[in-house]
Full PDB file with SEQRES, HELIX, SHEET, SSBOND, CRYST1, ORIGX, SCALE, CONECT and MASTER records, all heavy atoms in Angstrom:
SEQRES   1 A   39  TYR ARG PHE SER ASN PHE LEU LEU ALA GLU LYS ALA THR          
SEQRES   2 A   39  GLU LEU ASP VAL GLU ILE VAL TRP THR GLN LYS GLY SER          
SEQRES   3 A   39  GLU GLY ARG PRO LEU LYS GLU THR PHE THR PHE THR ALA          
SHEET    1 AA1 2 GLU A  14  TRP A  21  0                                        
SHEET    2 AA1 2 LEU A  31  THR A  38 -1                                        
CRYST1    1.000    1.000    1.000  90.00  90.00  90.00 P 1           1          
ORIGX1      1.000000  0.000000  0.000000        0.00000                         
ORIGX2      0.000000  1.000000  0.000000        0.00000                         
ORIGX3      0.000000  0.000000  1.000000        0.00000                         
SCALE1      1.000000  0.000000  0.000000        0.00000                         
SCALE2      0.000000  1.000000  0.000000        0.00000                         
SCALE3      0.000000  0.000000  1.000000        0.00000                         
ATOM      1  N   TYR A   1      14.684  -1.628  -0.761  1.00  0.00           N  
ATOM      2  CA  TYR A   1      14.252  -3.018  -0.888  1.00  0.00           C  
ATOM      3  C   TYR A   1      13.458  -3.108  -2.180  1.00  0.00           C  
ATOM      4  O   TYR A   1      12.522  -2.338  -2.395  1.00  0.00           O  
ATOM      5  CB  TYR A   1      13.377  -3.391   0.315  1.00  0.00           C  
ATOM      6  CG  TYR A   1      12.650  -4.707   0.186  1.00  0.00           C  
ATOM      7  CD1 TYR A   1      13.308  -5.906   0.424  1.00  0.00           C  
ATOM      8  CD2 TYR A   1      11.305  -4.749  -0.172  1.00  0.00           C  
ATOM      9  CE1 TYR A   1      12.633  -7.111   0.314  1.00  0.00           C  
ATOM     10  CE2 TYR A   1      10.635  -5.958  -0.282  1.00  0.00           C  
ATOM     11  CZ  TYR A   1      11.310  -7.130  -0.031  1.00  0.00           C  
ATOM     12  OH  TYR A   1      10.641  -8.317  -0.141  1.00  0.00           O  
ATOM     13  N   ARG A   2      13.836  -4.030  -3.059  1.00  0.00           N  
ATOM     14  CA  ARG A   2      13.120  -4.195  -4.327  1.00  0.00           C  
ATOM     15  C   ARG A   2      12.621  -5.614  -4.462  1.00  0.00           C  
ATOM     16  O   ARG A   2      13.364  -6.572  -4.241  1.00  0.00           O  
ATOM     17  CB  ARG A   2      14.051  -3.871  -5.503  1.00  0.00           C  
ATOM     18  CG  ARG A   2      14.319  -2.410  -5.653  1.00  0.00           C  
ATOM     19  CD  ARG A   2      14.909  -2.071  -7.026  1.00  0.00           C  
ATOM     20  NE  ARG A   2      15.037  -0.646  -7.169  1.00  0.00           N  
ATOM     21  CZ  ARG A   2      16.179   0.015  -6.985  1.00  0.00           C  
ATOM     22  NH1 ARG A   2      17.264  -0.637  -6.667  1.00  0.00           N  
ATOM     23  NH2 ARG A   2      16.205   1.321  -7.120  1.00  0.00           N  
ATOM     24  N   PHE A   3      11.362  -5.708  -4.836  1.00  0.00           N  
ATOM     25  CA  PHE A   3      10.737  -6.995  -5.141  1.00  0.00           C  
ATOM     26  C   PHE A   3      10.280  -6.836  -6.579  1.00  0.00           C  
ATOM     27  O   PHE A   3       9.285  -6.180  -6.855  1.00  0.00           O  
ATOM     28  CB  PHE A   3       9.560  -7.221  -4.192  1.00  0.00           C  
ATOM     29  CG  PHE A   3       9.176  -8.652  -4.028  1.00  0.00           C  
ATOM     30  CD1 PHE A   3       9.490  -9.335  -2.866  1.00  0.00           C  
ATOM     31  CD2 PHE A   3       8.511  -9.322  -5.028  1.00  0.00           C  
ATOM     32  CE1 PHE A   3       9.130 -10.657  -2.699  1.00  0.00           C  
ATOM     33  CE2 PHE A   3       8.144 -10.641  -4.888  1.00  0.00           C  
ATOM     34  CZ  PHE A   3       8.462 -11.302  -3.712  1.00  0.00           C  
ATOM     35  N   SER A   4      11.028  -7.406  -7.509  1.00  0.00           N  
ATOM     36  CA  SER A   4      10.845  -7.084  -8.929  1.00  0.00           C  
ATOM     37  C   SER A   4       9.608  -7.684  -9.581  1.00  0.00           C  
ATOM     38  O   SER A   4       9.157  -7.191 -10.609  1.00  0.00           O  
ATOM     39  CB  SER A   4      12.076  -7.497  -9.721  1.00  0.00           C  
ATOM     40  OG  SER A   4      12.271  -8.890  -9.633  1.00  0.00           O  
ATOM     41  N   ASN A   5       9.040  -8.739  -8.983  1.00  0.00           N  
ATOM     42  CA  ASN A   5       7.933  -9.402  -9.647  1.00  0.00           C  
ATOM     43  C   ASN A   5       7.150 -10.208  -8.617  1.00  0.00           C  
ATOM     44  O   ASN A   5       7.651 -11.187  -8.081  1.00  0.00           O  
ATOM     45  CB  ASN A   5       8.480 -10.325 -10.746  1.00  0.00           C  
ATOM     46  CG  ASN A   5       7.412 -10.952 -11.595  1.00  0.00           C  
ATOM     47  OD1 ASN A   5       6.637 -11.768 -11.114  1.00  0.00           O  
ATOM     48  ND2 ASN A   5       7.384 -10.609 -12.864  1.00  0.00           N  
ATOM     49  N   PHE A   6       5.920  -9.766  -8.300  1.00  0.00           N  
ATOM     50  CA  PHE A   6       5.074 -10.541  -7.394  1.00  0.00           C  
ATOM     51  C   PHE A   6       3.678 -10.664  -7.977  1.00  0.00           C  
ATOM     52  O   PHE A   6       3.256  -9.852  -8.790  1.00  0.00           O  
ATOM     53  CB  PHE A   6       5.036  -9.943  -5.986  1.00  0.00           C  
ATOM     54  CG  PHE A   6       4.326  -8.630  -5.853  1.00  0.00           C  
ATOM     55  CD1 PHE A   6       2.969  -8.570  -5.598  1.00  0.00           C  
ATOM     56  CD2 PHE A   6       5.023  -7.437  -5.961  1.00  0.00           C  
ATOM     57  CE1 PHE A   6       2.309  -7.363  -5.480  1.00  0.00           C  
ATOM     58  CE2 PHE A   6       4.388  -6.219  -5.833  1.00  0.00           C  
ATOM     59  CZ  PHE A   6       3.021  -6.175  -5.593  1.00  0.00           C  
ATOM     60  N   LEU A   7       2.991 -11.723  -7.571  1.00  0.00           N  
ATOM     61  CA  LEU A   7       1.639 -12.002  -8.059  1.00  0.00           C  
ATOM     62  C   LEU A   7       0.615 -11.421  -7.102  1.00  0.00           C  
ATOM     63  O   LEU A   7       0.774 -11.494  -5.887  1.00  0.00           O  
ATOM     64  CB  LEU A   7       1.403 -13.513  -8.139  1.00  0.00           C  
ATOM     65  CG  LEU A   7       2.402 -14.333  -8.959  1.00  0.00           C  
ATOM     66  CD1 LEU A   7       2.084 -15.814  -8.835  1.00  0.00           C  
ATOM     67  CD2 LEU A   7       2.356 -13.905 -10.405  1.00  0.00           C  
ATOM     68  N   LEU A   8      -0.451 -10.867  -7.666  1.00  0.00           N  
ATOM     69  CA  LEU A   8      -1.558 -10.367  -6.867  1.00  0.00           C  
ATOM     70  C   LEU A   8      -2.848 -10.875  -7.495  1.00  0.00           C  
ATOM     71  O   LEU A   8      -3.123 -10.583  -8.666  1.00  0.00           O  
ATOM     72  CB  LEU A   8      -1.551  -8.835  -6.827  1.00  0.00           C  
ATOM     73  CG  LEU A   8      -2.633  -8.178  -5.981  1.00  0.00           C  
ATOM     74  CD1 LEU A   8      -2.488  -8.581  -4.510  1.00  0.00           C  
ATOM     75  CD2 LEU A   8      -2.576  -6.679  -6.117  1.00  0.00           C  
ATOM     76  N   ALA A   9      -3.605 -11.659  -6.730  1.00  0.00           N  
ATOM     77  CA  ALA A   9      -4.843 -12.243  -7.239  1.00  0.00           C  
ATOM     78  C   ALA A   9      -5.755 -11.161  -7.787  1.00  0.00           C  
ATOM     79  O   ALA A   9      -5.894 -10.076  -7.204  1.00  0.00           O  
ATOM     80  CB  ALA A   9      -5.564 -13.014  -6.129  1.00  0.00           C  
ATOM     81  N   GLU A  10      -6.383 -11.454  -8.904  1.00  0.00           N  
ATOM     82  CA  GLU A  10      -7.280 -10.496  -9.546  1.00  0.00           C  
ATOM     83  C   GLU A  10      -8.481 -10.164  -8.673  1.00  0.00           C  
ATOM     84  O   GLU A  10      -9.016  -9.061  -8.743  1.00  0.00           O  
ATOM     85  CB  GLU A  10      -7.738 -11.048 -10.906  1.00  0.00           C  
ATOM     86  CG  GLU A  10      -7.887  -9.976 -11.941  1.00  0.00           C  
ATOM     87  CD  GLU A  10      -8.144 -10.511 -13.323  1.00  0.00           C  
ATOM     88  OE1 GLU A  10      -9.300 -10.919 -13.593  1.00  0.00           O  
ATOM     89  OE2 GLU A  10      -7.207 -10.532 -14.126  1.00  0.00           O  
ATOM     90  N   LYS A  11      -8.893 -11.096  -7.819  1.00  0.00           N  
ATOM     91  CA  LYS A  11     -10.059 -10.859  -6.969  1.00  0.00           C  
ATOM     92  C   LYS A  11      -9.752  -9.955  -5.764  1.00  0.00           C  
ATOM     93  O   LYS A  11     -10.652  -9.508  -5.079  1.00  0.00           O  
ATOM     94  CB  LYS A  11     -10.660 -12.171  -6.498  1.00  0.00           C  
ATOM     95  CG  LYS A  11      -9.717 -13.025  -5.648  1.00  0.00           C  
ATOM     96  CD  LYS A  11     -10.333 -14.374  -5.350  1.00  0.00           C  
ATOM     97  CE  LYS A  11      -9.321 -15.294  -4.690  1.00  0.00           C  
ATOM     98  NZ  LYS A  11      -9.868 -16.603  -4.469  1.00  0.00           N  
ATOM     99  N   ALA A  12      -8.491  -9.674  -5.526  1.00  0.00           N  
ATOM    100  CA  ALA A  12      -8.100  -8.822  -4.405  1.00  0.00           C  
ATOM    101  C   ALA A  12      -8.513  -7.371  -4.674  1.00  0.00           C  
ATOM    102  O   ALA A  12      -8.445  -6.904  -5.802  1.00  0.00           O  
ATOM    103  CB  ALA A  12      -6.601  -8.897  -4.181  1.00  0.00           C  
ATOM    104  N   THR A  13      -8.945  -6.691  -3.619  1.00  0.00           N  
ATOM    105  CA  THR A  13      -9.286  -5.268  -3.741  1.00  0.00           C  
ATOM    106  C   THR A  13      -8.381  -4.403  -2.880  1.00  0.00           C  
ATOM    107  O   THR A  13      -8.505  -3.177  -2.891  1.00  0.00           O  
ATOM    108  CB  THR A  13     -10.755  -5.018  -3.338  1.00  0.00           C  
ATOM    109  OG1 THR A  13     -10.957  -5.462  -2.005  1.00  0.00           O  
ATOM    110  CG2 THR A  13     -11.716  -5.732  -4.293  1.00  0.00           C  
ATOM    111  N   GLU A  14      -7.492  -5.030  -2.116  1.00  0.00           N  
ATOM    112  CA  GLU A  14      -6.534  -4.293  -1.284  1.00  0.00           C  
ATOM    113  C   GLU A  14      -5.180  -4.985  -1.288  1.00  0.00           C  
ATOM    114  O   GLU A  14      -5.101  -6.204  -1.292  1.00  0.00           O  
ATOM    115  CB  GLU A  14      -6.997  -4.216   0.179  1.00  0.00           C  
ATOM    116  CG  GLU A  14      -8.162  -3.339   0.423  1.00  0.00           C  
ATOM    117  CD  GLU A  14      -8.530  -3.283   1.903  1.00  0.00           C  
ATOM    118  OE1 GLU A  14      -7.916  -3.976   2.734  1.00  0.00           O  
ATOM    119  OE2 GLU A  14      -9.453  -2.526   2.211  1.00  0.00           O  
ATOM    120  N   LEU A  15      -4.133  -4.189  -1.244  1.00  0.00           N  
ATOM    121  CA  LEU A  15      -2.772  -4.664  -1.060  1.00  0.00           C  
ATOM    122  C   LEU A  15      -2.205  -3.913   0.130  1.00  0.00           C  
ATOM    123  O   LEU A  15      -2.175  -2.677   0.128  1.00  0.00           O  
ATOM    124  CB  LEU A  15      -1.915  -4.396  -2.300  1.00  0.00           C  
ATOM    125  CG  LEU A  15      -0.410  -4.586  -2.138  1.00  0.00           C  
ATOM    126  CD1 LEU A  15      -0.077  -6.056  -1.853  1.00  0.00           C  
ATOM    127  CD2 LEU A  15       0.341  -4.100  -3.361  1.00  0.00           C  
ATOM    128  N   ASP A  16      -1.812  -4.629   1.170  1.00  0.00           N  
ATOM    129  CA  ASP A  16      -1.186  -4.031   2.335  1.00  0.00           C  
ATOM    130  C   ASP A  16       0.305  -4.320   2.302  1.00  0.00           C  
ATOM    131  O   ASP A  16       0.708  -5.476   2.142  1.00  0.00           O  
ATOM    132  CB  ASP A  16      -1.749  -4.615   3.646  1.00  0.00           C  
ATOM    133  CG  ASP A  16      -3.162  -4.160   3.944  1.00  0.00           C  
ATOM    134  OD1 ASP A  16      -3.618  -3.193   3.325  1.00  0.00           O  
ATOM    135  OD2 ASP A  16      -3.806  -4.784   4.814  1.00  0.00           O  
ATOM    136  N   VAL A  17       1.097  -3.274   2.460  1.00  0.00           N  
ATOM    137  CA  VAL A  17       2.533  -3.422   2.604  1.00  0.00           C  
ATOM    138  C   VAL A  17       2.841  -3.006   4.029  1.00  0.00           C  
ATOM    139  O   VAL A  17       2.622  -1.857   4.417  1.00  0.00           O  
ATOM    140  CB  VAL A  17       3.318  -2.549   1.607  1.00  0.00           C  
ATOM    141  CG1 VAL A  17       4.810  -2.691   1.826  1.00  0.00           C  
ATOM    142  CG2 VAL A  17       2.939  -2.916   0.166  1.00  0.00           C  
ATOM    143  N   GLU A  18       3.299  -3.967   4.826  1.00  0.00           N  
ATOM    144  CA  GLU A  18       3.555  -3.735   6.242  1.00  0.00           C  
ATOM    145  C   GLU A  18       5.056  -3.736   6.474  1.00  0.00           C  
ATOM    146  O   GLU A  18       5.751  -4.658   6.034  1.00  0.00           O  
ATOM    147  CB  GLU A  18       2.875  -4.843   7.047  1.00  0.00           C  
ATOM    148  CG  GLU A  18       3.008  -4.694   8.539  1.00  0.00           C  
ATOM    149  CD  GLU A  18       2.281  -5.813   9.271  1.00  0.00           C  
ATOM    150  OE1 GLU A  18       1.055  -5.674   9.454  1.00  0.00           O  
ATOM    151  OE2 GLU A  18       2.932  -6.798   9.622  1.00  0.00           O  
ATOM    152  N   ILE A  19       5.546  -2.712   7.138  1.00  0.00           N  
ATOM    153  CA  ILE A  19       6.959  -2.614   7.446  1.00  0.00           C  
ATOM    154  C   ILE A  19       7.098  -2.609   8.962  1.00  0.00           C  
ATOM    155  O   ILE A  19       6.463  -1.802   9.652  1.00  0.00           O  
ATOM    156  CB  ILE A  19       7.576  -1.330   6.840  1.00  0.00           C  
ATOM    157  CG1 ILE A  19       7.298  -1.271   5.345  1.00  0.00           C  
ATOM    158  CG2 ILE A  19       9.079  -1.277   7.121  1.00  0.00           C  
ATOM    159  CD1 ILE A  19       7.553   0.055   4.702  1.00  0.00           C  
ATOM    160  N   VAL A  20       7.918  -3.529   9.471  1.00  0.00           N  
ATOM    161  CA  VAL A  20       8.186  -3.630  10.900  1.00  0.00           C  
ATOM    162  C   VAL A  20       9.679  -3.380  11.082  1.00  0.00           C  
ATOM    163  O   VAL A  20      10.496  -4.017  10.419  1.00  0.00           O  
ATOM    164  CB  VAL A  20       7.790  -5.023  11.455  1.00  0.00           C  
ATOM    165  CG1 VAL A  20       8.098  -5.120  12.941  1.00  0.00           C  
ATOM    166  CG2 VAL A  20       6.323  -5.309  11.188  1.00  0.00           C  
ATOM    167  N   TRP A  21      10.027  -2.451  11.967  1.00  0.00           N  
ATOM    168  CA  TRP A  21      11.433  -2.123  12.135  1.00  0.00           C  
ATOM    169  C   TRP A  21      11.740  -1.733  13.570  1.00  0.00           C  
ATOM    170  O   TRP A  21      10.840  -1.492  14.364  1.00  0.00           O  
ATOM    171  CB  TRP A  21      11.833  -0.999  11.190  1.00  0.00           C  
ATOM    172  CG  TRP A  21      11.395   0.381  11.556  1.00  0.00           C  
ATOM    173  CD1 TRP A  21      12.139   1.339  12.177  1.00  0.00           C  
ATOM    174  CD2 TRP A  21      10.112   0.992  11.338  1.00  0.00           C  
ATOM    175  NE1 TRP A  21      11.420   2.493  12.355  1.00  0.00           N  
ATOM    176  CE2 TRP A  21      10.168   2.311  11.848  1.00  0.00           C  
ATOM    177  CE3 TRP A  21       8.920   0.547  10.762  1.00  0.00           C  
ATOM    178  CZ2 TRP A  21       9.076   3.178  11.802  1.00  0.00           C  
ATOM    179  CZ3 TRP A  21       7.845   1.413  10.719  1.00  0.00           C  
ATOM    180  CH2 TRP A  21       7.925   2.696  11.225  1.00  0.00           C  
ATOM    181  N   THR A  22      13.026  -1.715  13.892  1.00  0.00           N  
ATOM    182  CA  THR A  22      13.507  -1.193  15.172  1.00  0.00           C  
ATOM    183  C   THR A  22      14.508  -0.090  14.863  1.00  0.00           C  
ATOM    184  O   THR A  22      15.130  -0.087  13.804  1.00  0.00           O  
ATOM    185  CB  THR A  22      14.175  -2.282  16.034  1.00  0.00           C  
ATOM    186  OG1 THR A  22      15.270  -2.835  15.303  1.00  0.00           O  
ATOM    187  CG2 THR A  22      13.209  -3.363  16.436  1.00  0.00           C  
ATOM    188  N   GLN A  23      14.636   0.830  15.793  1.00  0.00           N  
ATOM    189  CA  GLN A  23      15.622   1.896  15.623  1.00  0.00           C  
ATOM    190  C   GLN A  23      16.210   2.232  16.981  1.00  0.00           C  
ATOM    191  O   GLN A  23      15.676   1.841  18.014  1.00  0.00           O  
ATOM    192  CB  GLN A  23      15.010   3.128  14.959  1.00  0.00           C  
ATOM    193  CG  GLN A  23      13.916   3.801  15.741  1.00  0.00           C  
ATOM    194  CD  GLN A  23      13.250   4.895  14.919  1.00  0.00           C  
ATOM    195  OE1 GLN A  23      13.154   4.820  13.706  1.00  0.00           O  
ATOM    196  NE2 GLN A  23      12.791   5.936  15.586  1.00  0.00           N  
ATOM    197  N   LYS A  24      17.322   2.932  16.964  1.00  0.00           N  
ATOM    198  CA  LYS A  24      17.975   3.339  18.204  1.00  0.00           C  
ATOM    199  C   LYS A  24      16.985   4.141  19.040  1.00  0.00           C  
ATOM    200  O   LYS A  24      16.222   4.950  18.525  1.00  0.00           O  
ATOM    201  CB  LYS A  24      19.206   4.188  17.911  1.00  0.00           C  
ATOM    202  CG  LYS A  24      20.345   3.401  17.306  1.00  0.00           C  
ATOM    203  CD  LYS A  24      21.529   4.298  17.054  1.00  0.00           C  
ATOM    204  CE  LYS A  24      22.611   3.486  16.354  1.00  0.00           C  
ATOM    205  NZ  LYS A  24      23.742   4.306  15.944  1.00  0.00           N  
ATOM    206  N   GLY A  25      17.028   3.904  20.341  1.00  0.00           N  
ATOM    207  CA  GLY A  25      16.159   4.664  21.249  1.00  0.00           C  
ATOM    208  C   GLY A  25      14.778   4.062  21.419  1.00  0.00           C  
ATOM    209  O   GLY A  25      13.999   4.577  22.199  1.00  0.00           O  
ATOM    210  N   SER A  26      14.467   2.979  20.711  1.00  0.00           N  
ATOM    211  CA  SER A  26      13.135   2.378  20.878  1.00  0.00           C  
ATOM    212  C   SER A  26      13.191   1.174  21.815  1.00  0.00           C  
ATOM    213  O   SER A  26      12.247   0.405  21.895  1.00  0.00           O  
ATOM    214  CB  SER A  26      12.539   1.970  19.532  1.00  0.00           C  
ATOM    215  OG  SER A  26      13.273   0.905  18.970  1.00  0.00           O  
ATOM    216  N   GLU A  27      14.324   1.010  22.528  1.00  0.00           N  
ATOM    217  CA  GLU A  27      14.527  -0.091  23.493  1.00  0.00           C  
ATOM    218  C   GLU A  27      14.202  -1.446  22.908  1.00  0.00           C  
ATOM    219  O   GLU A  27      13.657  -2.323  23.573  1.00  0.00           O  
ATOM    220  CB  GLU A  27      13.684   0.149  24.761  1.00  0.00           C  
ATOM    221  CG  GLU A  27      14.133   1.340  25.570  1.00  0.00           C  
ATOM    222  CD  GLU A  27      13.039   2.389  25.667  1.00  0.00           C  
ATOM    223  OE1 GLU A  27      11.863   2.048  25.568  1.00  0.00           O  
ATOM    224  OE2 GLU A  27      13.394   3.559  25.842  1.00  0.00           O  
ATOM    225  N   GLY A  28      14.497  -1.628  21.629  1.00  0.00           N  
ATOM    226  CA  GLY A  28      14.269  -2.916  20.980  1.00  0.00           C  
ATOM    227  C   GLY A  28      12.802  -3.189  20.645  1.00  0.00           C  
ATOM    228  O   GLY A  28      12.484  -4.249  20.139  1.00  0.00           O  
ATOM    229  N   ARG A  29      11.938  -2.256  20.954  1.00  0.00           N  
ATOM    230  CA  ARG A  29      10.514  -2.438  20.660  1.00  0.00           C  
ATOM    231  C   ARG A  29      10.283  -2.196  19.184  1.00  0.00           C  
ATOM    232  O   ARG A  29      10.679  -1.175  18.636  1.00  0.00           O  
ATOM    233  CB  ARG A  29       9.658  -1.487  21.497  1.00  0.00           C  
ATOM    234  CG  ARG A  29       9.687  -1.847  22.963  1.00  0.00           C  
ATOM    235  CD  ARG A  29       9.006  -0.832  23.810  1.00  0.00           C  
ATOM    236  NE  ARG A  29       7.594  -0.731  23.458  1.00  0.00           N  
ATOM    237  CZ  ARG A  29       6.786   0.150  23.985  1.00  0.00           C  
ATOM    238  NH1 ARG A  29       7.215   1.009  24.869  1.00  0.00           N  
ATOM    239  NH2 ARG A  29       5.529   0.179  23.631  1.00  0.00           N  
ATOM    240  N   PRO A  30       9.613  -3.126  18.509  1.00  0.00           N  
ATOM    241  CA  PRO A  30       9.355  -2.939  17.075  1.00  0.00           C  
ATOM    242  C   PRO A  30       8.358  -1.807  16.816  1.00  0.00           C  
ATOM    243  O   PRO A  30       7.439  -1.582  17.585  1.00  0.00           O  
ATOM    244  CB  PRO A  30       8.756  -4.275  16.649  1.00  0.00           C  
ATOM    245  CG  PRO A  30       8.989  -5.226  17.756  1.00  0.00           C  
ATOM    246  CD  PRO A  30       9.176  -4.427  18.988  1.00  0.00           C  
ATOM    247  N   LEU A  31       8.564  -1.143  15.708  1.00  0.00           N  
ATOM    248  CA  LEU A  31       7.643  -0.136  15.203  1.00  0.00           C  
ATOM    249  C   LEU A  31       7.017  -0.703  13.935  1.00  0.00           C  
ATOM    250  O   LEU A  31       7.642  -1.528  13.259  1.00  0.00           O  
ATOM    251  CB  LEU A  31       8.412   1.153  14.894  1.00  0.00           C  
ATOM    252  CG  LEU A  31       9.210   1.746  16.065  1.00  0.00           C  
ATOM    253  CD1 LEU A  31      10.176   2.796  15.570  1.00  0.00           C  
ATOM    254  CD2 LEU A  31       8.267   2.321  17.102  1.00  0.00           C  
ATOM    255  N   LYS A  32       5.823  -0.259  13.600  1.00  0.00           N  
ATOM    256  CA  LYS A  32       5.142  -0.825  12.427  1.00  0.00           C  
ATOM    257  C   LYS A  32       4.367   0.267  11.705  1.00  0.00           C  
ATOM    258  O   LYS A  32       3.754   1.120  12.324  1.00  0.00           O  
ATOM    259  CB  LYS A  32       4.180  -1.922  12.863  1.00  0.00           C  
ATOM    260  CG  LYS A  32       3.401  -2.545  11.726  1.00  0.00           C  
ATOM    261  CD  LYS A  32       2.454  -3.600  12.219  1.00  0.00           C  
ATOM    262  CE  LYS A  32       1.055  -3.058  12.166  1.00  0.00           C  
ATOM    263  NZ  LYS A  32      -0.002  -4.011  12.305  1.00  0.00           N  
ATOM    264  N   GLU A  33       4.424   0.191  10.379  1.00  0.00           N  
ATOM    265  CA  GLU A  33       3.604   1.059   9.535  1.00  0.00           C  
ATOM    266  C   GLU A  33       3.018   0.206   8.437  1.00  0.00           C  
ATOM    267  O   GLU A  33       3.685  -0.683   7.904  1.00  0.00           O  
ATOM    268  CB  GLU A  33       4.456   2.173   8.919  1.00  0.00           C  
ATOM    269  CG  GLU A  33       4.021   3.543   9.351  1.00  0.00           C  
ATOM    270  CD  GLU A  33       4.803   4.638   8.717  1.00  0.00           C  
ATOM    271  OE1 GLU A  33       5.989   4.794   9.007  1.00  0.00           O  
ATOM    272  OE2 GLU A  33       4.180   5.374   7.900  1.00  0.00           O  
ATOM    273  N   THR A  34       1.764   0.473   8.082  1.00  0.00           N  
ATOM    274  CA  THR A  34       1.101  -0.260   7.005  1.00  0.00           C  
ATOM    275  C   THR A  34       0.634   0.728   5.943  1.00  0.00           C  
ATOM    276  O   THR A  34       0.012   1.739   6.258  1.00  0.00           O  
ATOM    277  CB  THR A  34      -0.115  -1.041   7.546  1.00  0.00           C  
ATOM    278  OG1 THR A  34       0.335  -1.923   8.582  1.00  0.00           O  
ATOM    279  CG2 THR A  34      -0.780  -1.857   6.448  1.00  0.00           C  
ATOM    280  N   PHE A  35       0.962   0.415   4.699  1.00  0.00           N  
ATOM    281  CA  PHE A  35       0.535   1.210   3.556  1.00  0.00           C  
ATOM    282  C   PHE A  35      -0.488   0.371   2.785  1.00  0.00           C  
ATOM    283  O   PHE A  35      -0.194  -0.751   2.403  1.00  0.00           O  
ATOM    284  CB  PHE A  35       1.730   1.539   2.649  1.00  0.00           C  
ATOM    285  CG  PHE A  35       2.767   2.370   3.364  1.00  0.00           C  
ATOM    286  CD1 PHE A  35       3.731   1.774   4.141  1.00  0.00           C  
ATOM    287  CD2 PHE A  35       2.742   3.750   3.256  1.00  0.00           C  
ATOM    288  CE1 PHE A  35       4.675   2.529   4.815  1.00  0.00           C  
ATOM    289  CE2 PHE A  35       3.691   4.517   3.901  1.00  0.00           C  
ATOM    290  CZ  PHE A  35       4.665   3.909   4.690  1.00  0.00           C  
ATOM    291  N   THR A  36      -1.686   0.921   2.600  1.00  0.00           N  
ATOM    292  CA  THR A  36      -2.769   0.169   1.965  1.00  0.00           C  
ATOM    293  C   THR A  36      -3.092   0.792   0.603  1.00  0.00           C  
ATOM    294  O   THR A  36      -3.411   1.969   0.520  1.00  0.00           O  
ATOM    295  CB  THR A  36      -4.025   0.148   2.854  1.00  0.00           C  
ATOM    296  OG1 THR A  36      -3.679  -0.426   4.099  1.00  0.00           O  
ATOM    297  CG2 THR A  36      -5.138  -0.664   2.207  1.00  0.00           C  
ATOM    298  N   PHE A  37      -2.999  -0.043  -0.423  1.00  0.00           N  
ATOM    299  CA  PHE A  37      -3.374   0.345  -1.777  1.00  0.00           C  
ATOM    300  C   PHE A  37      -4.712  -0.323  -2.045  1.00  0.00           C  
ATOM    301  O   PHE A  37      -4.833  -1.532  -1.867  1.00  0.00           O  
ATOM    302  CB  PHE A  37      -2.315  -0.107  -2.779  1.00  0.00           C  
ATOM    303  CG  PHE A  37      -0.962   0.520  -2.551  1.00  0.00           C  
ATOM    304  CD1 PHE A  37      -0.054  -0.041  -1.683  1.00  0.00           C  
ATOM    305  CD2 PHE A  37      -0.635   1.690  -3.210  1.00  0.00           C  
ATOM    306  CE1 PHE A  37       1.186   0.543  -1.474  1.00  0.00           C  
ATOM    307  CE2 PHE A  37       0.611   2.294  -3.014  1.00  0.00           C  
ATOM    308  CZ  PHE A  37       1.511   1.720  -2.140  1.00  0.00           C  
ATOM    309  N   THR A  38      -5.716   0.459  -2.467  1.00  0.00           N  
ATOM    310  CA  THR A  38      -7.061  -0.090  -2.649  1.00  0.00           C  
ATOM    311  C   THR A  38      -7.534   0.062  -4.091  1.00  0.00           C  
ATOM    312  O   THR A  38      -6.981   0.848  -4.857  1.00  0.00           O  
ATOM    313  CB  THR A  38      -8.081   0.615  -1.736  1.00  0.00           C  
ATOM    314  OG1 THR A  38      -8.051   2.005  -2.000  1.00  0.00           O  
ATOM    315  CG2 THR A  38      -7.768   0.373  -0.280  1.00  0.00           C  
ATOM    316  N   ALA A  39      -8.596  -0.676  -4.408  1.00  0.00           N  
ATOM    317  CA  ALA A  39      -9.190  -0.619  -5.737  1.00  0.00           C  
ATOM    318  C   ALA A  39      -9.742   0.768  -5.988  1.00  0.00           C  
ATOM    319  O   ALA A  39     -10.270   1.406  -5.091  1.00  0.00           O  
ATOM    320  CB  ALA A  39     -10.294  -1.665  -5.882  1.00  0.00           C  
TER     321      ALA A  39                                                      
MASTER        0    0    0    0    2    0    0    6  320    1    0    3          
END                                                                             
């Protein structure tokens, strides 16, 4: 997945990238992971 150009406010000190997905064997229950980039 590529997002070639996004804006991030200068006053921000954290960027969270949250991924929510389902996979076989998880009975349709979503899984989630968050990646946090900090100042």
